[in-house]
Amino acid sequence: MTDAQRLFGVRLLHTVIYVVMATASVLVLYGGISGARGPWLIVAVALVVIESLVFSLSGLKCPLTAVAVKYGAGQDGLFDTFMPERFTRHTFRIFGPMILLGLALLAARQWWAAG
């Protein structure tokens, strides 16, 4: 397998994970705002918590980015996902507050329901 093929695989996997995590982040915020519940919310919260741990343990960097760079990302206009880099560079600024707000609202709803 060539480095180009490996990079394609890493970029594909990273893109799929990015889309799943973006969706989970939106679902956490939606659950916090709307009060909607269901198994989808439990899965979304679990994914967000796991992803937060992965980032924290990796020095606030995605470990797949390093793998992509190893196989040539950053060269020839190729990035670590199939999405434009100008979009993905804002990931923390967009999804960080969204996740924190969603989790805070979920916690507040849980606290008020228990009280």
PDB file of N, CA and C in Angstrom:
ATOM      1  N   MET A   1       0.851  -1.174   0.000  1.00  0.00           N
ATOM      2  CA  MET A   1       0.000   0.000   0.000  1.00  0.00           C
ATOM      3  C   MET A   1       0.902   1.245   0.000  1.00  0.00           C
ATOM      4  N   THR A   2       0.600   2.190  -0.863  1.00  0.00           N
ATOM      5  CA  THR A   2       1.402   3.406  -0.959  1.00  0.00           C
ATOM      6  C   THR A   2       0.978   4.421   0.100  1.00  0.00           C
ATOM      7  N   ASP A   3       1.836   5.424   0.302  1.00  0.00           N
ATOM      8  CA  ASP A   3       1.492   6.490   1.242  1.00  0.00           C
ATOM      9  C   ASP A   3       0.245   7.235   0.786  1.00  0.00           C
ATOM     10  N   ALA A   4       0.084   7.403  -0.518  1.00  0.00           N
ATOM     11  CA  ALA A   4      -1.106   8.088  -1.040  1.00  0.00           C
ATOM     12  C   ALA A   4      -2.373   7.299  -0.698  1.00  0.00           C
ATOM     13  N   GLN A   5      -2.321   5.988  -0.788  1.00  0.00           N
ATOM     14  CA  GLN A   5      -3.473   5.150  -0.439  1.00  0.00           C
ATOM     15  C   GLN A   5      -3.741   5.201   1.063  1.00  0.00           C
ATOM     16  N   ARG A   6      -2.675   5.174   1.844  1.00  0.00           N
ATOM     17  CA  ARG A   6      -2.838   5.285   3.299  1.00  0.00           C
ATOM     18  C   ARG A   6      -3.441   6.637   3.668  1.00  0.00           C
ATOM     19  N   LEU A   7      -2.948   7.700   3.033  1.00  0.00           N
ATOM     20  CA  LEU A   7      -3.483   9.032   3.298  1.00  0.00           C
ATOM     21  C   LEU A   7      -4.963   9.095   2.925  1.00  0.00           C
ATOM     22  N   PHE A   8      -5.333   8.500   1.814  1.00  0.00           N
ATOM     23  CA  PHE A   8      -6.744   8.468   1.416  1.00  0.00           C
ATOM     24  C   PHE A   8      -7.571   7.790   2.505  1.00  0.00           C
ATOM     25  N   GLY A   9      -7.109   6.658   3.010  1.00  0.00           N
ATOM     26  CA  GLY A   9      -7.830   5.937   4.055  1.00  0.00           C
ATOM     27  C   GLY A   9      -7.942   6.736   5.343  1.00  0.00           C
ATOM     28  N   VAL A  10      -6.850   7.374   5.747  1.00  0.00           N
ATOM     29  CA  VAL A  10      -6.864   8.190   6.965  1.00  0.00           C
ATOM     30  C   VAL A  10      -7.806   9.374   6.790  1.00  0.00           C
ATOM     31  N   ARG A  11      -7.737  10.026   5.629  1.00  0.00           N
ATOM     32  CA  ARG A  11      -8.617  11.174   5.368  1.00  0.00           C
ATOM     33  C   ARG A  11     -10.085  10.746   5.374  1.00  0.00           C
ATOM     34  N   LEU A  12     -10.376   9.598   4.785  1.00  0.00           N
ATOM     35  CA  LEU A  12     -11.754   9.095   4.755  1.00  0.00           C
ATOM     36  C   LEU A  12     -12.242   8.798   6.173  1.00  0.00           C
ATOM     37  N   LEU A  13     -11.443   8.075   6.938  1.00  0.00           N
ATOM     38  CA  LEU A  13     -11.810   7.755   8.326  1.00  0.00           C
ATOM     39  C   LEU A  13     -11.983   9.031   9.143  1.00  0.00           C
ATOM     40  N   HIS A  14     -11.060   9.967   8.985  1.00  0.00           N
ATOM     41  CA  HIS A  14     -11.111  11.211   9.743  1.00  0.00           C
ATOM     42  C   HIS A  14     -12.347  12.030   9.373  1.00  0.00           C
ATOM     43  N   THR A  15     -12.701  12.038   8.101  1.00  0.00           N
ATOM     44  CA  THR A  15     -13.890  12.766   7.652  1.00  0.00           C
ATOM     45  C   THR A  15     -15.150  12.148   8.238  1.00  0.00           C
ATOM     46  N   VAL A  16     -15.240  10.833   8.219  1.00  0.00           N
ATOM     47  CA  VAL A  16     -16.410  10.144   8.785  1.00  0.00           C
ATOM     48  C   VAL A  16     -16.518  10.444  10.278  1.00  0.00           C
ATOM     49  N   ILE A  17     -15.409  10.348  10.994  1.00  0.00           N
ATOM     50  CA  ILE A  17     -15.423  10.636  12.426  1.00  0.00           C
ATOM     51  C   ILE A  17     -15.817  12.088  12.669  1.00  0.00           C
ATOM     52  N   TYR A  18     -15.301  12.998  11.860  1.00  0.00           N
ATOM     53  CA  TYR A  18     -15.624  14.417  12.010  1.00  0.00           C
ATOM     54  C   TYR A  18     -17.123  14.643  11.852  1.00  0.00           C
ATOM     55  N   VAL A  19     -17.715  14.052  10.831  1.00  0.00           N
ATOM     56  CA  VAL A  19     -19.157  14.229  10.588  1.00  0.00           C
ATOM     57  C   VAL A  19     -19.974  13.625  11.731  1.00  0.00           C
ATOM     58  N   VAL A  20     -19.592  12.456  12.191  1.00  0.00           N
ATOM     59  CA  VAL A  20     -20.298  11.812  13.308  1.00  0.00           C
ATOM     60  C   VAL A  20     -20.190  12.675  14.565  1.00  0.00           C
ATOM     61  N   MET A  21     -18.999  13.195  14.841  1.00  0.00           N
ATOM     62  CA  MET A  21     -18.813  14.000  16.053  1.00  0.00           C
ATOM     63  C   MET A  21     -19.509  15.354  15.943  1.00  0.00           C
ATOM     64  N   ALA A  22     -19.530  15.938  14.758  1.00  0.00           N
ATOM     65  CA  ALA A  22     -20.262  17.194  14.572  1.00  0.00           C
ATOM     66  C   ALA A  22     -21.755  16.957  14.814  1.00  0.00           C
ATOM     67  N   THR A  23     -22.257  15.849  14.303  1.00  0.00           N
ATOM     68  CA  THR A  23     -23.662  15.500  14.510  1.00  0.00           C
ATOM     69  C   THR A  23     -23.946  15.272  15.991  1.00  0.00           C
ATOM     70  N   ALA A  24     -23.057  14.559  16.667  1.00  0.00           N
ATOM     71  CA  ALA A  24     -23.239  14.305  18.104  1.00  0.00           C
ATOM     72  C   ALA A  24     -23.238  15.621  18.886  1.00  0.00           C
ATOM     73  N   SER A  25     -22.377  16.546  18.509  1.00  0.00           N
ATOM     74  CA  SER A  25     -22.314  17.844  19.189  1.00  0.00           C
ATOM     75  C   SER A  25     -23.618  18.612  19.033  1.00  0.00           C
ATOM     76  N   VAL A  26     -24.152  18.615  17.822  1.00  0.00           N
ATOM     77  CA  VAL A  26     -25.422  19.301  17.559  1.00  0.00           C
ATOM     78  C   VAL A  26     -26.550  18.624  18.345  1.00  0.00           C
ATOM     79  N   LEU A  27     -26.540  17.305  18.406  1.00  0.00           N
ATOM     80  CA  LEU A  27     -27.579  16.583  19.148  1.00  0.00           C
ATOM     81  C   LEU A  27     -27.518  16.882  20.643  1.00  0.00           C
ATOM     82  N   VAL A  28     -26.315  16.993  21.186  1.00  0.00           N
ATOM     83  CA  VAL A  28     -26.180  17.342  22.609  1.00  0.00           C
ATOM     84  C   VAL A  28     -26.757  18.731  22.853  1.00  0.00           C
ATOM     85  N   LEU A  29     -26.438  19.676  21.990  1.00  0.00           N
ATOM     86  CA  LEU A  29     -26.988  21.021  22.134  1.00  0.00           C
ATOM     87  C   LEU A  29     -28.504  21.009  21.962  1.00  0.00           C
ATOM     88  N   TYR A  30     -28.994  20.284  20.980  1.00  0.00           N
ATOM     89  CA  TYR A  30     -30.438  20.191  20.751  1.00  0.00           C
ATOM     90  C   TYR A  30     -31.147  19.600  21.977  1.00  0.00           C
ATOM     91  N   GLY A  31     -30.587  18.529  22.533  1.00  0.00           N
ATOM     92  CA  GLY A  31     -31.175  17.920  23.725  1.00  0.00           C
ATOM     93  C   GLY A  31     -31.185  18.886  24.900  1.00  0.00           C
ATOM     94  N   GLY A  32     -30.111  19.650  25.047  1.00  0.00           N
ATOM     95  CA  GLY A  32     -30.043  20.619  26.133  1.00  0.00           C
ATOM     96  C   GLY A  32     -31.049  21.748  25.986  1.00  0.00           C
ATOM     97  N   ILE A  33     -31.220  22.224  24.755  1.00  0.00           N
ATOM     98  CA  ILE A  33     -32.147  23.336  24.509  1.00  0.00           C
ATOM     99  C   ILE A  33     -33.599  22.883  24.558  1.00  0.00           C
ATOM    100  N   SER A  34     -33.886  21.770  23.897  1.00  0.00           N
ATOM    101  CA  SER A  34     -35.281  21.349  23.727  1.00  0.00           C
ATOM    102  C   SER A  34     -35.812  20.468  24.846  1.00  0.00           C
ATOM    103  N   GLY A  35     -34.916  19.803  25.554  1.00  0.00           N
ATOM    104  CA  GLY A  35     -35.358  18.852  26.568  1.00  0.00           C
ATOM    105  C   GLY A  35     -35.701  17.494  25.985  1.00  0.00           C
ATOM    106  N   ALA A  36     -35.517  17.335  24.679  1.00  0.00           N
ATOM    107  CA  ALA A  36     -35.791  16.043  24.035  1.00  0.00           C
ATOM    108  C   ALA A  36     -34.833  14.988  24.580  1.00  0.00           C
ATOM    109  N   ARG A  37     -35.334  13.795  24.711  1.00  0.00           N
ATOM    110  CA  ARG A  37     -34.553  12.681  25.253  1.00  0.00           C
ATOM    111  C   ARG A  37     -34.720  11.459  24.355  1.00  0.00           C
ATOM    112  N   GLY A  38     -33.842  10.523  24.549  1.00  0.00           N
ATOM    113  CA  GLY A  38     -33.916   9.268  23.828  1.00  0.00           C
ATOM    114  C   GLY A  38     -32.552   8.601  23.808  1.00  0.00           C
ATOM    115  N   PRO A  39     -32.501   7.399  23.283  1.00  0.00           N
ATOM    116  CA  PRO A  39     -31.220   6.687  23.238  1.00  0.00           C
ATOM    117  C   PRO A  39     -30.183   7.423  22.391  1.00  0.00           C
ATOM    118  N   TRP A  40     -30.629   8.177  21.405  1.00  0.00           N
ATOM    119  CA  TRP A  40     -29.713   8.951  20.563  1.00  0.00           C
ATOM    120  C   TRP A  40     -28.936   9.971  21.391  1.00  0.00           C
ATOM    121  N   LEU A  41     -29.565  10.526  22.425  1.00  0.00           N
ATOM    122  CA  LEU A  41     -28.900  11.507  23.268  1.00  0.00           C
ATOM    123  C   LEU A  41     -27.821  10.850  24.124  1.00  0.00           C
ATOM    124  N   ILE A  42     -28.107   9.690  24.636  1.00  0.00           N
ATOM    125  CA  ILE A  42     -27.118   8.961  25.433  1.00  0.00           C
ATOM    126  C   ILE A  42     -25.898   8.638  24.579  1.00  0.00           C
ATOM    127  N   VAL A  43     -26.125   8.190  23.353  1.00  0.00           N
ATOM    128  CA  VAL A  43     -25.024   7.878  22.429  1.00  0.00           C
ATOM    129  C   VAL A  43     -24.241   9.155  22.112  1.00  0.00           C
ATOM    130  N   ALA A  44     -24.941  10.248  21.831  1.00  0.00           N
ATOM    131  CA  ALA A  44     -24.282  11.511  21.496  1.00  0.00           C
ATOM    132  C   ALA A  44     -23.422  12.011  22.649  1.00  0.00           C
ATOM    133  N   VAL A  45     -23.958  11.975  23.860  1.00  0.00           N
ATOM    134  CA  VAL A  45     -23.196  12.426  25.031  1.00  0.00           C
ATOM    135  C   VAL A  45     -21.975  11.532  25.236  1.00  0.00           C
ATOM    136  N   ALA A  46     -22.157  10.222  25.111  1.00  0.00           N
ATOM    137  CA  ALA A  46     -21.030   9.301  25.272  1.00  0.00           C
ATOM    138  C   ALA A  46     -19.942   9.587  24.234  1.00  0.00           C
ATOM    139  N   LEU A  47     -20.332   9.810  22.990  1.00  0.00           N
ATOM    140  CA  LEU A  47     -19.348  10.108  21.943  1.00  0.00           C
ATOM    141  C   LEU A  47     -18.606  11.409  22.225  1.00  0.00           C
ATOM    142  N   VAL A  48     -19.335  12.425  22.663  1.00  0.00           N
ATOM    143  CA  VAL A  48     -18.718  13.715  22.969  1.00  0.00           C
ATOM    144  C   VAL A  48     -17.746  13.578  24.142  1.00  0.00           C
ATOM    145  N   VAL A  49     -18.111  12.828  25.153  1.00  0.00           N
ATOM    146  CA  VAL A  49     -17.231  12.631  26.310  1.00  0.00           C
ATOM    147  C   VAL A  49     -15.974  11.870  25.886  1.00  0.00           C
ATOM    148  N   ILE A  50     -16.143  10.812  25.102  1.00  0.00           N
ATOM    149  CA  ILE A  50     -14.990  10.028  24.631  1.00  0.00           C
ATOM    150  C   ILE A  50     -14.071  10.902  23.777  1.00  0.00           C
ATOM    151  N   GLU A  51     -14.653  11.656  22.859  1.00  0.00           N
ATOM    152  CA  GLU A  51     -13.860  12.531  21.995  1.00  0.00           C
ATOM    153  C   GLU A  51     -13.117  13.587  22.815  1.00  0.00           C
ATOM    154  N   SER A  52     -13.773  14.124  23.833  1.00  0.00           N
ATOM    155  CA  SER A  52     -13.119  15.109  24.700  1.00  0.00           C
ATOM    156  C   SER A  52     -11.935  14.491  25.431  1.00  0.00           C
ATOM    157  N   LEU A  53     -12.089  13.273  25.890  1.00  0.00           N
ATOM    158  CA  LEU A  53     -10.984  12.572  26.550  1.00  0.00           C
ATOM    159  C   LEU A  53      -9.829  12.331  25.586  1.00  0.00           C
ATOM    160  N   VAL A  54     -10.150  11.904  24.368  1.00  0.00           N
ATOM    161  CA  VAL A  54      -9.109  11.663  23.358  1.00  0.00           C
ATOM    162  C   VAL A  54      -8.330  12.948  23.099  1.00  0.00           C
ATOM    163  N   PHE A  55      -9.035  14.056  22.905  1.00  0.00           N
ATOM    164  CA  PHE A  55      -8.356  15.333  22.674  1.00  0.00           C
ATOM    165  C   PHE A  55      -7.530  15.741  23.884  1.00  0.00           C
ATOM    166  N   SER A  56      -8.079  15.587  25.077  1.00  0.00           N
ATOM    167  CA  SER A  56      -7.351  15.973  26.287  1.00  0.00           C
ATOM    168  C   SER A  56      -6.079  15.156  26.456  1.00  0.00           C
ATOM    169  N   LEU A  57      -6.179  13.870  26.223  1.00  0.00           N
ATOM    170  CA  LEU A  57      -5.023  12.987  26.375  1.00  0.00           C
ATOM    171  C   LEU A  57      -4.010  13.146  25.255  1.00  0.00           C
ATOM    172  N   SER A  58      -4.417  13.785  24.160  1.00  0.00           N
ATOM    173  CA  SER A  58      -3.524  13.990  23.014  1.00  0.00           C
ATOM    174  C   SER A  58      -2.993  15.417  22.949  1.00  0.00           C
ATOM    175  N   GLY A  59      -3.051  16.129  24.045  1.00  0.00           N
ATOM    176  CA  GLY A  59      -2.538  17.488  24.071  1.00  0.00           C
ATOM    177  C   GLY A  59      -3.382  18.465  23.267  1.00  0.00           C
ATOM    178  N   LEU A  60      -4.695  18.262  23.255  1.00  0.00           N
ATOM    179  CA  LEU A  60      -5.658  19.082  22.518  1.00  0.00           C
ATOM    180  C   LEU A  60      -5.393  19.088  21.016  1.00  0.00           C
ATOM    181  N   LYS A  61      -4.894  17.957  20.530  1.00  0.00           N
ATOM    182  CA  LYS A  61      -4.680  17.758  19.101  1.00  0.00           C
ATOM    183  C   LYS A  61      -5.306  16.436  18.698  1.00  0.00           C
ATOM    184  N   CYS A  62      -5.828  16.384  17.505  1.00  0.00           N
ATOM    185  CA  CYS A  62      -6.406  15.131  17.030  1.00  0.00           C
ATOM    186  C   CYS A  62      -5.292  14.172  16.630  1.00  0.00           C
ATOM    187  N   PRO A  63      -5.285  12.965  17.171  1.00  0.00           N
ATOM    188  CA  PRO A  63      -4.229  12.017  16.829  1.00  0.00           C
ATOM    189  C   PRO A  63      -4.245  11.618  15.347  1.00  0.00           C
ATOM    190  N   LEU A  64      -5.398  11.680  14.711  1.00  0.00           N
ATOM    191  CA  LEU A  64      -5.453  11.319  13.288  1.00  0.00           C
ATOM    192  C   LEU A  64      -4.782  12.361  12.400  1.00  0.00           C
ATOM    193  N   THR A  65      -4.716  13.592  12.858  1.00  0.00           N
ATOM    194  CA  THR A  65      -4.023  14.618  12.079  1.00  0.00           C
ATOM    195  C   THR A  65      -2.544  14.265  11.949  1.00  0.00           C
ATOM    196  N   ALA A  66      -1.935  13.815  13.031  1.00  0.00           N
ATOM    197  CA  ALA A  66      -0.523  13.426  12.986  1.00  0.00           C
ATOM    198  C   ALA A  66      -0.304  12.250  12.040  1.00  0.00           C
ATOM    199  N   VAL A  67      -1.224  11.310  12.035  1.00  0.00           N
ATOM    200  CA  VAL A  67      -1.119  10.168  11.124  1.00  0.00           C
ATOM    201  C   VAL A  67      -1.236  10.638   9.676  1.00  0.00           C
ATOM    202  N   ALA A  68      -2.173  11.549   9.428  1.00  0.00           N
ATOM    203  CA  ALA A  68      -2.355  12.067   8.074  1.00  0.00           C
ATOM    204  C   ALA A  68      -1.107  12.807   7.599  1.00  0.00           C
ATOM    205  N   VAL A  69      -0.510  13.583   8.474  1.00  0.00           N
ATOM    206  CA  VAL A  69       0.715  14.316   8.114  1.00  0.00           C
ATOM    207  C   VAL A  69       1.838  13.332   7.792  1.00  0.00           C
ATOM    208  N   LYS A  70       1.901  12.258   8.533  1.00  0.00           N
ATOM    209  CA  LYS A  70       2.918  11.225   8.289  1.00  0.00           C
ATOM    210  C   LYS A  70       2.820  10.687   6.862  1.00  0.00           C
ATOM    211  N   TYR A  71       1.607  10.608   6.339  1.00  0.00           N
ATOM    212  CA  TYR A  71       1.411  10.063   4.996  1.00  0.00           C
ATOM    213  C   TYR A  71       1.267  11.131   3.921  1.00  0.00           C
ATOM    214  N   GLY A  72       1.523  12.394   4.279  1.00  0.00           N
ATOM    215  CA  GLY A  72       1.583  13.423   3.253  1.00  0.00           C
ATOM    216  C   GLY A  72       0.563  14.531   3.316  1.00  0.00           C
ATOM    217  N   ALA A  73      -0.287  14.560   4.324  1.00  0.00           N
ATOM    218  CA  ALA A  73      -1.248  15.665   4.443  1.00  0.00           C
ATOM    219  C   ALA A  73      -0.473  16.963   4.632  1.00  0.00           C
ATOM    220  N   GLY A  74      -1.005  18.032   4.077  1.00  0.00           N
ATOM    221  CA  GLY A  74      -0.327  19.317   4.138  1.00  0.00           C
ATOM    222  C   GLY A  74       0.494  19.586   2.890  1.00  0.00           C
ATOM    223  N   GLN A  75       0.679  18.571   2.072  1.00  0.00           N
ATOM    224  CA  GLN A  75       1.393  18.723   0.817  1.00  0.00           C
ATOM    225  C   GLN A  75       0.389  18.675  -0.332  1.00  0.00           C
ATOM    226  N   ASP A  76       0.680  19.370  -1.388  1.00  0.00           N
ATOM    227  CA  ASP A  76      -0.155  19.344  -2.598  1.00  0.00           C
ATOM    228  C   ASP A  76      -1.607  19.731  -2.311  1.00  0.00           C
ATOM    229  N   GLY A  77      -1.832  20.562  -1.304  1.00  0.00           N
ATOM    230  CA  GLY A  77      -3.190  21.006  -1.008  1.00  0.00           C
ATOM    231  C   GLY A  77      -4.062  19.962  -0.340  1.00  0.00           C
ATOM    232  N   LEU A  78      -3.480  18.855   0.114  1.00  0.00           N
ATOM    233  CA  LEU A  78      -4.243  17.808   0.794  1.00  0.00           C
ATOM    234  C   LEU A  78      -4.196  18.055   2.297  1.00  0.00           C
ATOM    235  N   PHE A  79      -5.350  17.905   2.925  1.00  0.00           N
ATOM    236  CA  PHE A  79      -5.425  18.112   4.363  1.00  0.00           C
ATOM    237  C   PHE A  79      -5.753  16.796   5.039  1.00  0.00           C
ATOM    238  N   ASP A  80      -6.078  16.834   6.320  1.00  0.00           N
ATOM    239  CA  ASP A  80      -6.302  15.606   7.079  1.00  0.00           C
ATOM    240  C   ASP A  80      -7.724  15.075   6.955  1.00  0.00           C
ATOM    241  N   THR A  81      -8.612  15.829   6.318  1.00  0.00           N
ATOM    242  CA  THR A  81      -9.966  15.349   6.007  1.00  0.00           C
ATOM    243  C   THR A  81     -10.264  15.739   4.563  1.00  0.00           C
ATOM    244  N   PHE A  82     -11.422  15.350   4.072  1.00  0.00           N
ATOM    245  CA  PHE A  82     -11.836  15.749   2.729  1.00  0.00           C
ATOM    246  C   PHE A  82     -12.591  17.081   2.743  1.00  0.00           C
ATOM    247  N   MET A  83     -12.709  17.682   3.926  1.00  0.00           N
ATOM    248  CA  MET A  83     -13.376  18.974   4.032  1.00  0.00           C
ATOM    249  C   MET A  83     -12.344  20.082   3.887  1.00  0.00           C
ATOM    250  N   PRO A  84     -12.781  21.271   3.468  1.00  0.00           N
ATOM    251  CA  PRO A  84     -11.829  22.376   3.335  1.00  0.00           C
ATOM    252  C   PRO A  84     -11.197  22.733   4.686  1.00  0.00           C
ATOM    253  N   GLU A  85      -9.911  22.944   4.666  1.00  0.00           N
ATOM    254  CA  GLU A  85      -9.177  23.271   5.885  1.00  0.00           C
ATOM    255  C   GLU A  85      -9.678  24.569   6.504  1.00  0.00           C
ATOM    256  N   ARG A  86     -10.128  25.508   5.691  1.00  0.00           N
ATOM    257  CA  ARG A  86     -10.619  26.779   6.233  1.00  0.00           C
ATOM    258  C   ARG A  86     -11.853  26.566   7.107  1.00  0.00           C
ATOM    259  N   PHE A  87     -12.555  25.447   6.907  1.00  0.00           N
ATOM    260  CA  PHE A  87     -13.710  25.097   7.737  1.00  0.00           C
ATOM    261  C   PHE A  87     -13.259  24.346   8.991  1.00  0.00           C
ATOM    262  N   THR A  88     -12.428  23.340   8.811  1.00  0.00           N
ATOM    263  CA  THR A  88     -12.054  22.479   9.941  1.00  0.00           C
ATOM    264  C   THR A  88     -11.138  23.178  10.937  1.00  0.00           C
ATOM    265  N   ARG A  89     -10.448  24.238  10.523  1.00  0.00           N
ATOM    266  CA  ARG A  89      -9.558  24.929  11.468  1.00  0.00           C
ATOM    267  C   ARG A  89     -10.338  25.619  12.584  1.00  0.00           C
ATOM    268  N   HIS A  90     -11.629  25.803  12.409  1.00  0.00           N
ATOM    269  CA  HIS A  90     -12.462  26.460  13.420  1.00  0.00           C
ATOM    270  C   HIS A  90     -13.221  25.460  14.301  1.00  0.00           C
ATOM    271  N   THR A  91     -12.855  24.215  14.222  1.00  0.00           N
ATOM    272  CA  THR A  91     -13.559  23.156  14.946  1.00  0.00           C
ATOM    273  C   THR A  91     -13.693  23.460  16.432  1.00  0.00           C
ATOM    274  N   PHE A  92     -12.602  23.782  17.099  1.00  0.00           N
ATOM    275  CA  PHE A  92     -12.655  24.007  18.545  1.00  0.00           C
ATOM    276  C   PHE A  92     -13.498  25.226  18.891  1.00  0.00           C
ATOM    277  N   ARG A  93     -13.379  26.276  18.105  1.00  0.00           N
ATOM    278  CA  ARG A  93     -14.129  27.503  18.381  1.00  0.00           C
ATOM    279  C   ARG A  93     -15.625  27.327  18.166  1.00  0.00           C
ATOM    280  N   ILE A  94     -16.000  26.438  17.278  1.00  0.00           N
ATOM    281  CA  ILE A  94     -17.426  26.212  16.998  1.00  0.00           C
ATOM    282  C   ILE A  94     -17.997  25.153  17.933  1.00  0.00           C
ATOM    283  N   PHE A  95     -17.372  23.981  17.943  1.00  0.00           N
ATOM    284  CA  PHE A  95     -17.942  22.852  18.658  1.00  0.00           C
ATOM    285  C   PHE A  95     -17.657  22.861  20.157  1.00  0.00           C
ATOM    286  N   GLY A  96     -16.564  23.474  20.588  1.00  0.00           N
ATOM    287  CA  GLY A  96     -16.264  23.542  22.023  1.00  0.00           C
ATOM    288  C   GLY A  96     -17.372  24.224  22.810  1.00  0.00           C
ATOM    289  N   PRO A  97     -17.705  25.464  22.475  1.00  0.00           N
ATOM    290  CA  PRO A  97     -18.800  26.124  23.194  1.00  0.00           C
ATOM    291  C   PRO A  97     -20.145  25.421  23.014  1.00  0.00           C
ATOM    292  N   MET A  98     -20.369  24.866  21.826  1.00  0.00           N
ATOM    293  CA  MET A  98     -21.630  24.157  21.575  1.00  0.00           C
ATOM    294  C   MET A  98     -21.772  22.964  22.522  1.00  0.00           C
ATOM    295  N   ILE A  99     -20.703  22.210  22.662  1.00  0.00           N
ATOM    296  CA  ILE A  99     -20.719  21.040  23.542  1.00  0.00           C
ATOM    297  C   ILE A  99     -20.870  21.471  25.005  1.00  0.00           C
ATOM    298  N   LEU A 100     -20.093  22.463  25.412  1.00  0.00           N
ATOM    299  CA  LEU A 100     -20.173  22.927  26.806  1.00  0.00           C
ATOM    300  C   LEU A 100     -21.561  23.447  27.145  1.00  0.00           C
ATOM    301  N   LEU A 101     -22.141  24.243  26.254  1.00  0.00           N
ATOM    302  CA  LEU A 101     -23.489  24.758  26.489  1.00  0.00           C
ATOM    303  C   LEU A 101     -24.502  23.623  26.540  1.00  0.00           C
ATOM    304  N   GLY A 102     -24.420  22.691  25.599  1.00  0.00           N
ATOM    305  CA  GLY A 102     -25.348  21.559  25.582  1.00  0.00           C
ATOM    306  C   GLY A 102     -25.266  20.729  26.841  1.00  0.00           C
ATOM    307  N   LEU A 103     -24.035  20.412  27.272  1.00  0.00           N
ATOM    308  CA  LEU A 103     -23.867  19.624  28.500  1.00  0.00           C
ATOM    309  C   LEU A 103     -24.345  20.390  29.727  1.00  0.00           C
ATOM    310  N   ALA A 104     -24.073  21.694  29.763  1.00  0.00           N
ATOM    311  CA  ALA A 104     -24.535  22.510  30.899  1.00  0.00           C
ATOM    312  C   ALA A 104     -26.054  22.550  30.954  1.00  0.00           C
ATOM    313  N   LEU A 105     -26.689  22.714  29.798  1.00  0.00           N
ATOM    314  CA  LEU A 105     -28.158  22.723  29.772  1.00  0.00           C
ATOM    315  C   LEU A 105     -28.738  21.369  30.159  1.00  0.00           C
ATOM    316  N   LEU A 106     -28.110  20.291  29.689  1.00  0.00           N
ATOM    317  CA  LEU A 106     -28.566  18.954  30.086  1.00  0.00           C
ATOM    318  C   LEU A 106     -28.423  18.759  31.589  1.00  0.00           C
ATOM    319  N   ALA A 107     -27.306  19.189  32.150  1.00  0.00           N
ATOM    320  CA  ALA A 107     -27.099  19.065  33.602  1.00  0.00           C
ATOM    321  C   ALA A 107     -28.107  19.899  34.371  1.00  0.00           C
ATOM    322  N   ALA A 108     -28.372  21.115  33.900  1.00  0.00           N
ATOM    323  CA  ALA A 108     -29.350  21.977  34.571  1.00  0.00           C
ATOM    324  C   ALA A 108     -30.737  21.363  34.515  1.00  0.00           C
ATOM    325  N   ARG A 109     -31.118  20.830  33.384  1.00  0.00           N
ATOM    326  CA  ARG A 109     -32.436  20.179  33.267  1.00  0.00           C
ATOM    327  C   ARG A 109     -32.517  18.984  34.207  1.00  0.00           C
ATOM    328  N   GLN A 110     -31.462  18.208  34.294  1.00  0.00           N
ATOM    329  CA  GLN A 110     -31.438  17.039  35.180  1.00  0.00           C
ATOM    330  C   GLN A 110     -31.542  17.487  36.638  1.00  0.00           C
ATOM    331  N   TRP A 111     -30.818  18.539  36.985  1.00  0.00           N
ATOM    332  CA  TRP A 111     -30.817  19.048  38.360  1.00  0.00           C
ATOM    333  C   TRP A 111     -32.205  19.569  38.741  1.00  0.00           C
ATOM    334  N   TRP A 112     -32.830  20.337  37.809  1.00  0.00           N
ATOM    335  CA  TRP A 112     -34.156  20.861  38.095  1.00  0.00           C
ATOM    336  C   TRP A 112     -35.198  19.749  38.181  1.00  0.00           C
ATOM    337  N   ALA A 113     -35.055  18.715  37.361  1.00  0.00           N
ATOM    338  CA  ALA A 113     -35.999  17.602  37.382  1.00  0.00           C
ATOM    339  C   ALA A 113     -35.869  16.814  38.678  1.00  0.00           C
ATOM    340  N   ALA A 114     -34.671  16.735  39.229  1.00  0.00           N
ATOM    341  CA  ALA A 114     -34.437  15.985  40.457  1.00  0.00           C
ATOM    342  C   ALA A 114     -34.886  16.773  41.687  1.00  0.00           C
ATOM    343  N   GLY A 115     -34.953  18.096  41.517  1.00  0.00           N
ATOM    344  CA  GLY A 115     -35.270  18.953  42.672  1.00  0.00           C
ATOM    345  C   GLY A 115     -36.709  19.039  42.906  1.00  0.00           C
TER     346      GLY A 115
END
